[in-house]
Amino acid sequence: MSITTTTTLVPLSIPSKSRPSAVYPSSPLTVFPPPAPTVRRPLRERCGMNLTLHIDNPALAFKSSKVPGPWSPKGHLQPHRNNLPRRRNPKPSFVTYHDKQLAAAGHTPPKPLSIPTPPCTTIPAPAYDFDPPTSSEPHLQAIIPALWVAFAQEDRSYEAGFSHVVEITYGPTPDAERTWDGRTQRLRLTLPESVRRPAGRAALALNDAQLRGARDFLAECLPQSVASHPELGAVRALVVTPHARPTDAMALVGCYLSFVADQSVEAILRCIDEEESLLSVWKGEVSGDETERVEKIARSWSWLSAVARR
């Protein structure tokens, strides 16, 4: 005898708040479409209140108090250049006023006081016992009106008329000595005897100390204010060099002029070479290496740096 048992599956009932005896759904969205979320109204709408803000500006009391709202057809004005007020440049006008009372009475305005000006007088030159040199003597050469160069002669009559003399001569040892010869100040620069008879071109034989001393000697007696206006004074300087040695004299002159004029030695010597009135014996005698050496001395410090360029 066989007994057959039949089992029937009943779906599980899941109770809920809306449907207490609902059956477990086969899909998560039984109701489609789902209900829309509830929109919460603002508090002022729920309470039935309206707020209005009104601002009064005393500066705009003459204008209309009605403020244009968002319903204005022109809308909000942005700070654009087309919305700015027009700016017109006023034309200058000149008005002349006449006093009718003074014109009717025949009154004349007082004349301005005239202060007499003293006549223009030139500053007299210092009194010296000698006259300034002239260019009639062939062994003298003027570099500038107050500075001359010359070759040494046995007769020193050509030194008459000069207040300062730089004499380059030969001696046992190189030296620099400053003396007074009457009313003339003299700076004696001594060259060694070994350079008296050069085999070829006479190169620059002055040492750095001698060039620096001669630069300060000339800058002290001929600062820029005196050298640029020699007619106001009687200061004249002469550089005397032995025969066949123009290099020492021109290097000394280039060092002084570069120091006073604040220009390079190369530019000073180039201007001297291009001057047609100067004799050719004084031109092109300083080499490139000697120019660089003199340039360093001209740019070196001196207690006359602030005085010589005035």
Protein backbone atom coordinates (compact mmCIF):
# COMPACT_ATOMS: atom_id res chain seq x y z
CA MET A 1 0.00 0.00 0.00
CA SER A 2 1.58 3.28 -1.07
CA ILE A 3 0.83 6.64 0.43
CA THR A 4 1.40 9.75 -1.72
CA THR A 5 1.87 13.12 -0.02
CA THR A 6 1.37 16.38 -1.97
CA THR A 7 2.90 19.59 -0.60
CA THR A 8 1.58 22.99 -1.76
CA LEU A 9 3.84 26.06 -1.26
CA VAL A 10 1.97 29.09 0.01
CA PRO A 11 3.66 32.51 -0.58
CA LEU A 12 5.00 34.18 2.52
CA SER A 13 2.82 37.03 3.68
CA ILE A 14 4.79 40.15 4.74
CA PRO A 15 2.64 42.62 6.61
CA SER A 16 3.03 46.38 5.93
CA LYS A 17 1.42 49.59 7.13
CA SER A 18 -0.56 50.13 3.93
CA ARG A 19 -1.40 46.54 3.28
CA PRO A 20 -1.38 44.41 6.40
CA SER A 21 -1.91 41.17 4.54
CA ALA A 22 0.14 41.93 1.42
CA VAL A 23 1.93 39.16 -0.36
CA TYR A 24 5.73 39.44 -0.90
CA PRO A 25 6.04 41.24 -4.21
CA SER A 26 7.81 39.67 -7.13
CA SER A 27 9.23 43.13 -8.15
CA PRO A 28 10.53 46.02 -5.96
CA LEU A 29 8.27 48.53 -7.84
CA THR A 30 4.79 47.22 -7.43
CA VAL A 31 3.28 50.70 -7.96
CA PHE A 32 4.62 52.49 -11.05
CA PRO A 33 5.29 55.32 -11.37
CA PRO A 34 6.32 56.03 -7.78
CA PRO A 35 4.68 58.96 -6.02
CA ALA A 36 6.40 62.39 -6.42
CA PRO A 37 8.20 63.83 -3.38
CA THR A 38 6.35 66.38 -1.37
CA VAL A 39 7.60 70.01 -1.89
CA ARG A 40 7.90 71.94 1.34
CA ARG A 41 6.67 75.54 1.14
CA PRO A 42 8.64 78.42 2.72
CA LEU A 43 7.67 79.64 6.15
CA ARG A 44 6.52 83.08 4.92
CA GLU A 45 4.01 81.39 2.53
CA ARG A 46 2.75 79.03 5.18
CA CYS A 47 2.30 81.94 7.60
CA GLY A 48 0.87 84.26 4.94
CA MET A 49 3.41 87.12 5.45
CA ASN A 50 5.04 89.46 2.86
CA LEU A 51 8.07 91.73 3.55
CA THR A 52 8.85 94.92 1.59
CA LEU A 53 12.21 96.87 1.96
CA HIS A 54 12.13 100.60 1.18
CA ILE A 55 15.33 102.73 1.32
CA ASP A 56 15.24 106.56 1.31
CA ASN A 57 18.38 108.48 0.19
CA PRO A 58 18.41 112.20 1.08
CA ALA A 59 20.77 112.92 -1.80
CA LEU A 60 18.21 111.62 -4.27
CA ALA A 61 15.24 113.45 -2.76
CA PHE A 62 14.80 115.60 -5.89
CA LYS A 63 14.42 112.51 -8.05
CA SER A 64 11.49 110.20 -8.28
CA SER A 65 11.19 107.88 -5.30
CA LYS A 66 9.90 105.06 -7.46
CA VAL A 67 12.64 102.53 -7.94
CA PRO A 68 12.46 100.66 -11.23
CA GLY A 69 11.82 97.02 -10.57
CA PRO A 70 12.37 93.94 -12.63
CA TRP A 71 9.39 94.91 -14.78
CA SER A 72 11.34 97.87 -16.23
CA PRO A 73 11.67 97.36 -20.01
CA LYS A 74 15.27 98.61 -19.91
CA GLY A 75 16.26 96.24 -17.14
CA HIS A 76 19.14 96.70 -14.76
CA LEU A 77 21.80 99.18 -15.98
CA GLN A 78 25.24 97.70 -15.91
CA PRO A 79 28.33 99.90 -15.44
CA HIS A 80 29.06 100.17 -19.16
CA ARG A 81 30.67 103.10 -20.91
CA ASN A 82 27.50 103.68 -22.97
CA ASN A 83 25.52 104.30 -19.77
CA LEU A 84 27.86 106.99 -18.43
CA PRO A 85 26.90 110.67 -18.67
CA ARG A 86 28.41 112.69 -21.48
CA ARG A 87 31.50 114.72 -20.73
CA ARG A 88 31.99 117.86 -22.73
CA ASN A 89 35.25 119.75 -22.70
CA PRO A 90 34.45 123.39 -21.97
CA LYS A 91 36.05 125.82 -24.37
CA PRO A 92 38.44 128.30 -22.72
CA SER A 93 37.07 131.79 -22.61
CA PHE A 94 39.07 134.92 -21.91
CA VAL A 95 37.30 137.85 -20.36
CA THR A 96 38.88 141.27 -20.00
CA TYR A 97 37.50 143.54 -17.32
CA HIS A 98 37.89 147.31 -17.50
CA ASP A 99 37.40 149.60 -14.58
CA LYS A 100 34.99 152.27 -15.82
CA GLN A 101 35.46 154.53 -12.81
CA LEU A 102 39.21 154.89 -13.26
CA ALA A 103 38.82 155.42 -17.00
CA ALA A 104 36.15 158.08 -16.49
CA ALA A 105 38.20 159.98 -13.90
CA GLY A 106 41.27 159.91 -16.12
CA HIS A 107 43.34 158.16 -13.47
CA THR A 108 46.48 156.47 -14.78
CA PRO A 109 47.74 153.37 -13.03
CA PRO A 110 51.09 153.70 -11.30
CA LYS A 111 54.12 152.59 -13.28
CA PRO A 112 56.13 149.64 -12.00
CA LEU A 113 59.29 150.45 -10.16
CA SER A 114 62.40 150.09 -12.28
CA ILE A 115 65.47 148.83 -10.46
CA PRO A 116 68.66 150.09 -12.11
CA THR A 117 70.98 147.23 -13.07
CA PRO A 118 74.70 147.73 -12.65
CA PRO A 119 76.76 147.70 -15.84
CA CYS A 120 78.30 144.39 -16.81
CA THR A 121 81.95 144.31 -15.83
CA THR A 122 84.48 141.64 -16.67
CA ILE A 123 86.52 140.04 -13.93
CA PRO A 124 90.06 141.37 -14.15
CA ALA A 125 92.76 138.78 -14.62
CA PRO A 126 95.35 138.30 -11.87
CA ALA A 127 98.34 140.58 -12.09
CA TYR A 128 101.43 138.70 -13.27
CA ASP A 129 104.88 139.98 -14.17
CA PHE A 130 104.89 138.07 -17.46
CA ASP A 131 102.71 137.99 -20.56
CA PRO A 132 100.91 134.87 -21.81
CA PRO A 133 102.90 132.90 -24.43
CA THR A 134 102.30 133.28 -28.14
CA SER A 135 102.37 130.71 -30.93
CA SER A 136 104.97 132.59 -32.95
CA GLU A 137 107.82 130.51 -31.53
CA PRO A 138 108.19 127.28 -33.57
CA HIS A 139 109.15 124.98 -30.66
CA LEU A 140 105.89 125.67 -28.79
CA GLN A 141 102.66 123.79 -29.51
CA ALA A 142 99.29 124.59 -27.89
CA ILE A 143 97.14 121.53 -27.15
CA ILE A 144 94.42 123.67 -25.54
CA PRO A 145 94.65 127.44 -24.92
CA ALA A 146 95.92 126.90 -21.37
CA LEU A 147 98.17 123.84 -21.95
CA TRP A 148 101.25 123.76 -24.18
CA VAL A 149 104.00 121.26 -25.04
CA ALA A 150 107.53 121.88 -26.22
CA PHE A 151 110.91 120.21 -26.71
CA ALA A 152 113.63 121.19 -24.27
CA GLN A 153 116.12 123.86 -25.38
CA GLU A 154 119.34 125.16 -23.81
CA ASP A 155 117.82 128.62 -23.77
CA ARG A 156 114.79 128.54 -21.49
CA SER A 157 113.42 131.85 -22.62
CA TYR A 158 110.38 130.04 -24.06
CA GLU A 159 109.26 129.28 -20.48
CA ALA A 160 108.48 132.95 -19.93
CA GLY A 161 104.75 133.49 -19.71
CA PHE A 162 103.93 130.16 -18.07
CA SER A 163 102.82 129.88 -14.46
CA HIS A 164 103.28 126.08 -14.20
CA VAL A 165 105.95 123.95 -15.91
CA VAL A 166 106.25 120.15 -16.02
CA GLU A 167 109.85 119.36 -16.99
CA ILE A 168 110.82 115.87 -18.12
CA THR A 169 114.59 115.40 -17.89
CA TYR A 170 117.22 112.72 -17.35
CA GLY A 171 118.80 111.76 -14.02
CA PRO A 172 120.41 108.93 -12.12
CA THR A 173 117.13 107.56 -10.69
CA PRO A 174 113.43 108.11 -11.54
CA ASP A 175 112.02 110.82 -9.31
CA ALA A 176 109.39 113.57 -9.07
CA GLU A 177 110.20 116.86 -7.39
CA ARG A 178 107.99 119.95 -7.02
CA THR A 179 109.72 123.30 -6.57
CA TRP A 180 109.16 127.04 -6.92
CA ASP A 181 111.23 129.03 -9.44
CA GLY A 182 110.33 132.65 -8.77
CA ARG A 183 106.63 132.93 -9.59
CA THR A 184 106.62 129.68 -11.56
CA GLN A 185 105.71 126.33 -10.04
CA ARG A 186 107.83 123.54 -11.48
CA LEU A 187 107.39 119.77 -11.39
CA ARG A 188 110.57 117.94 -12.39
CA LEU A 189 110.14 114.34 -13.61
CA THR A 190 113.43 112.45 -13.88
CA LEU A 191 113.93 109.59 -16.37
CA PRO A 192 116.73 107.03 -15.96
CA GLU A 193 119.89 107.47 -18.05
CA SER A 194 119.31 104.07 -19.67
CA VAL A 195 116.52 105.48 -21.88
CA ARG A 196 118.50 108.48 -23.15
CA ARG A 197 119.51 106.82 -26.43
CA PRO A 198 116.75 104.41 -27.57
CA ALA A 199 117.50 101.96 -30.38
CA GLY A 200 114.26 102.74 -32.18
CA ARG A 201 111.08 104.49 -31.14
CA ALA A 202 111.24 106.21 -27.76
CA ALA A 203 108.58 104.40 -25.73
CA LEU A 204 106.81 105.70 -22.64
CA ALA A 205 109.45 105.87 -19.88
CA LEU A 206 107.48 107.62 -17.11
CA ASN A 207 106.39 105.29 -14.33
CA ASP A 208 102.89 105.19 -12.82
CA ALA A 209 103.78 107.37 -9.83
CA GLN A 210 105.20 110.09 -12.09
CA LEU A 211 102.15 110.06 -14.37
CA ARG A 212 99.81 110.23 -11.39
CA GLY A 213 101.78 113.11 -9.82
CA ALA A 214 101.81 115.08 -13.09
CA ARG A 215 98.07 114.47 -13.54
CA ASP A 216 97.31 115.90 -10.09
CA PHE A 217 99.75 118.79 -10.62
CA LEU A 218 97.99 119.90 -13.82
CA ALA A 219 94.50 119.20 -12.45
CA GLU A 220 95.24 121.38 -9.42
CA CYS A 221 96.28 124.42 -11.44
CA LEU A 222 93.96 123.79 -14.42
CA PRO A 223 90.62 122.39 -13.27
CA GLN A 224 87.82 122.17 -15.81
CA SER A 225 86.41 125.61 -14.92
CA VAL A 226 89.79 127.28 -15.54
CA ALA A 227 90.82 125.22 -18.57
CA SER A 228 87.50 125.87 -20.35
CA HIS A 229 87.73 129.68 -19.81
CA PRO A 230 91.42 130.59 -20.02
CA GLU A 231 90.60 134.22 -20.81
CA LEU A 232 89.40 134.75 -17.23
CA GLY A 233 92.81 134.02 -15.74
CA ALA A 234 96.51 133.98 -16.48
CA VAL A 235 97.21 130.35 -15.57
CA ARG A 236 99.24 128.68 -18.34
CA ALA A 237 100.92 125.27 -18.10
CA LEU A 238 103.82 123.95 -20.19
CA VAL A 239 105.05 120.35 -20.57
CA VAL A 240 108.72 120.21 -21.61
CA THR A 241 110.15 116.93 -22.88
CA PRO A 242 113.60 116.01 -24.23
CA HIS A 243 114.18 115.78 -27.97
CA ALA A 244 112.85 112.69 -29.74
CA ARG A 245 110.60 111.85 -26.77
CA PRO A 246 107.10 113.14 -27.64
CA THR A 247 105.48 109.97 -26.26
CA ASP A 248 106.03 110.94 -22.62
CA ALA A 249 104.58 114.42 -23.13
CA MET A 250 101.49 113.26 -25.06
CA ALA A 251 100.81 110.41 -22.62
CA LEU A 252 100.96 112.93 -19.77
CA VAL A 253 98.64 115.36 -21.62
CA GLY A 254 96.20 112.56 -22.48
CA CYS A 255 96.13 111.37 -18.85
CA TYR A 256 95.36 114.90 -17.56
CA LEU A 257 92.68 115.69 -20.16
CA SER A 258 91.00 112.30 -19.65
CA PHE A 259 90.91 112.87 -15.89
CA VAL A 260 89.48 116.40 -16.12
CA ALA A 261 87.05 115.88 -19.04
CA ASP A 262 85.93 112.42 -17.83
CA GLN A 263 86.62 110.92 -21.27
CA SER A 264 88.73 107.97 -22.35
CA VAL A 265 92.40 108.47 -23.16
CA GLU A 266 91.89 106.90 -26.58
CA ALA A 267 89.18 109.45 -27.46
CA ILE A 268 91.37 112.35 -26.26
CA LEU A 269 94.37 111.25 -28.31
CA ARG A 270 92.17 110.62 -31.37
CA CYS A 271 90.88 114.20 -31.20
CA ILE A 272 94.47 115.45 -30.99
CA ASP A 273 95.47 113.35 -34.02
CA GLU A 274 92.55 114.73 -36.05
CA GLU A 275 93.36 118.36 -35.25
CA GLU A 276 94.93 119.94 -38.35
CA SER A 277 96.55 122.85 -36.50
CA LEU A 278 98.83 120.55 -34.48
CA LEU A 279 102.21 119.52 -35.79
CA SER A 280 102.57 115.91 -36.91
CA VAL A 281 105.46 115.33 -34.51
CA TRP A 282 102.95 115.24 -31.63
CA LYS A 283 100.47 112.87 -33.32
CA GLY A 284 100.25 109.07 -33.18
CA GLU A 285 103.08 108.63 -30.69
CA VAL A 286 101.24 106.67 -27.96
CA SER A 287 100.75 102.96 -28.70
CA GLY A 288 97.73 100.87 -27.78
CA ASP A 289 99.38 99.17 -24.80
CA GLU A 290 100.60 102.52 -23.51
CA THR A 291 97.08 103.96 -23.92
CA GLU A 292 95.60 101.18 -21.77
CA ARG A 293 98.22 101.80 -19.10
CA VAL A 294 97.56 105.55 -19.07
CA GLU A 295 93.79 104.87 -18.97
CA LYS A 296 94.14 102.97 -15.68
CA ILE A 297 96.10 105.86 -14.16
CA ALA A 298 93.58 108.44 -15.37
CA ARG A 299 90.71 106.46 -13.81
CA SER A 300 92.52 105.88 -10.50
CA TRP A 301 91.47 107.70 -7.33
CA SER A 302 92.67 111.21 -6.56
CA TRP A 303 91.86 113.77 -3.91
CA LEU A 304 91.15 116.17 -6.80
CA SER A 305 88.41 113.99 -8.33
CA ALA A 306 85.61 116.20 -6.99
CA VAL A 307 87.43 119.50 -7.71
CA ALA A 308 89.06 119.00 -11.09
CA ARG A 309 85.75 118.33 -12.91
CA ARG A 310 84.04 121.51 -11.67
